[in-house]
Amino acid sequence: ALQTEVENNCLNEKQFNQLEREYSRYEQEIQDLNKDIERLENASEEEIA
């Protein structure tokens, strides 16, 4: 039973680390997209003016 517990913990830790990496990647993507949106908004404001 203890062995199973240890194995489960190990798997959970690997999964957690993977999710953390994915989270960081998505966070970066969101920041990049927000910059694009800001740039497009500025460009469209200049066109309107």
C-alpha atoms as a PDB file:
ATOM      1  CA  ALA A   1       0.000   0.000   0.000  1.00  0.00           C
ATOM      2  CA  LEU A   2       2.842   2.378   0.843  1.00  0.00           C
ATOM      3  CA  GLN A   3       4.570   1.576  -2.456  1.00  0.00           C
ATOM      4  CA  THR A   4       1.402   2.496  -4.353  1.00  0.00           C
ATOM      5  CA  GLU A   5       1.183   5.727  -2.389  1.00  0.00           C
ATOM      6  CA  VAL A   6       4.786   6.589  -3.275  1.00  0.00           C
ATOM      7  CA  GLU A   7       4.184   5.791  -6.958  1.00  0.00           C
ATOM      8  CA  ASN A   8       1.041   7.920  -6.987  1.00  0.00           C
ATOM      9  CA  ASN A   9       2.904  10.817  -5.402  1.00  0.00           C
ATOM     10  CA  CYS A  10       5.636  10.512  -8.015  1.00  0.00           C
ATOM     11  CA  LEU A  11       3.104  10.536 -10.860  1.00  0.00           C
ATOM     12  CA  ASN A  12       1.248  13.473  -9.338  1.00  0.00           C
ATOM     13  CA  GLU A  13       4.478  15.416  -9.019  1.00  0.00           C
ATOM     14  CA  LYS A  14       5.380  14.785 -12.669  1.00  0.00           C
ATOM     15  CA  GLN A  15       1.914  15.805 -13.776  1.00  0.00           C
ATOM     16  CA  PHE A  16       2.026  18.909 -11.590  1.00  0.00           C
ATOM     17  CA  ASN A  17       5.392  19.961 -13.035  1.00  0.00           C
ATOM     18  CA  GLN A  18       4.097  19.472 -16.554  1.00  0.00           C
ATOM     19  CA  LEU A  19       1.003  21.554 -15.811  1.00  0.00           C
ATOM     20  CA  GLU A  20       3.191  24.272 -14.313  1.00  0.00           C
ATOM     21  CA  ARG A  21       5.270  24.415 -17.488  1.00  0.00           C
ATOM     22  CA  GLU A  22       2.135  24.545 -19.641  1.00  0.00           C
ATOM     23  CA  TYR A  23       0.722  27.293 -17.437  1.00  0.00           C
ATOM     24  CA  SER A  24       3.872  29.392 -17.892  1.00  0.00           C
ATOM     25  CA  ARG A  25       3.737  28.865 -21.647  1.00  0.00           C
ATOM     26  CA  TYR A  26       0.090  29.884 -21.849  1.00  0.00           C
ATOM     27  CA  GLU A  27       0.740  32.890 -19.632  1.00  0.00           C
ATOM     28  CA  GLN A  28       3.453  34.009 -22.071  1.00  0.00           C
ATOM     29  CA  GLU A  29       1.110  33.455 -25.037  1.00  0.00           C
ATOM     30  CA  ILE A  30      -1.556  35.574 -23.347  1.00  0.00           C
ATOM     31  CA  GLN A  31       0.943  38.384 -22.772  1.00  0.00           C
ATOM     32  CA  ASP A  32       2.029  38.228 -26.421  1.00  0.00           C
ATOM     33  CA  LEU A  33      -1.587  38.303 -27.609  1.00  0.00           C
ATOM     34  CA  ASN A  34      -2.354  41.245 -25.328  1.00  0.00           C
ATOM     35  CA  LYS A  35       0.585  43.138 -26.855  1.00  0.00           C
ATOM     36  CA  ASP A  36      -0.766  42.357 -30.341  1.00  0.00           C
ATOM     37  CA  ILE A  37      -4.229  43.583 -29.335  1.00  0.00           C
ATOM     38  CA  GLU A  38      -2.773  46.789 -27.913  1.00  0.00           C
ATOM     39  CA  ARG A  39      -0.745  47.349 -31.072  1.00  0.00           C
ATOM     40  CA  LEU A  40      -3.813  46.787 -33.274  1.00  0.00           C
ATOM     41  CA  GLU A  41      -5.942  49.094 -31.135  1.00  0.00           C
ATOM     42  CA  ASN A  42      -3.314  51.822 -31.396  1.00  0.00           C
ATOM     43  CA  ALA A  43      -3.075  51.347 -35.160  1.00  0.00           C
ATOM     44  CA  SER A  44      -6.850  51.545 -35.608  1.00  0.00           C
ATOM     45  CA  GLU A  45      -7.037  54.658 -33.409  1.00  0.00           C
ATOM     46  CA  GLU A  46      -4.432  56.331 -35.612  1.00  0.00           C
ATOM     47  CA  GLU A  47      -6.412  55.416 -38.734  1.00  0.00           C
ATOM     48  CA  ILE A  48      -9.605  56.876 -37.273  1.00  0.00           C
ATOM     49  CA  ALA A  49      -7.872  60.129 -36.251  1.00  0.00           C
END
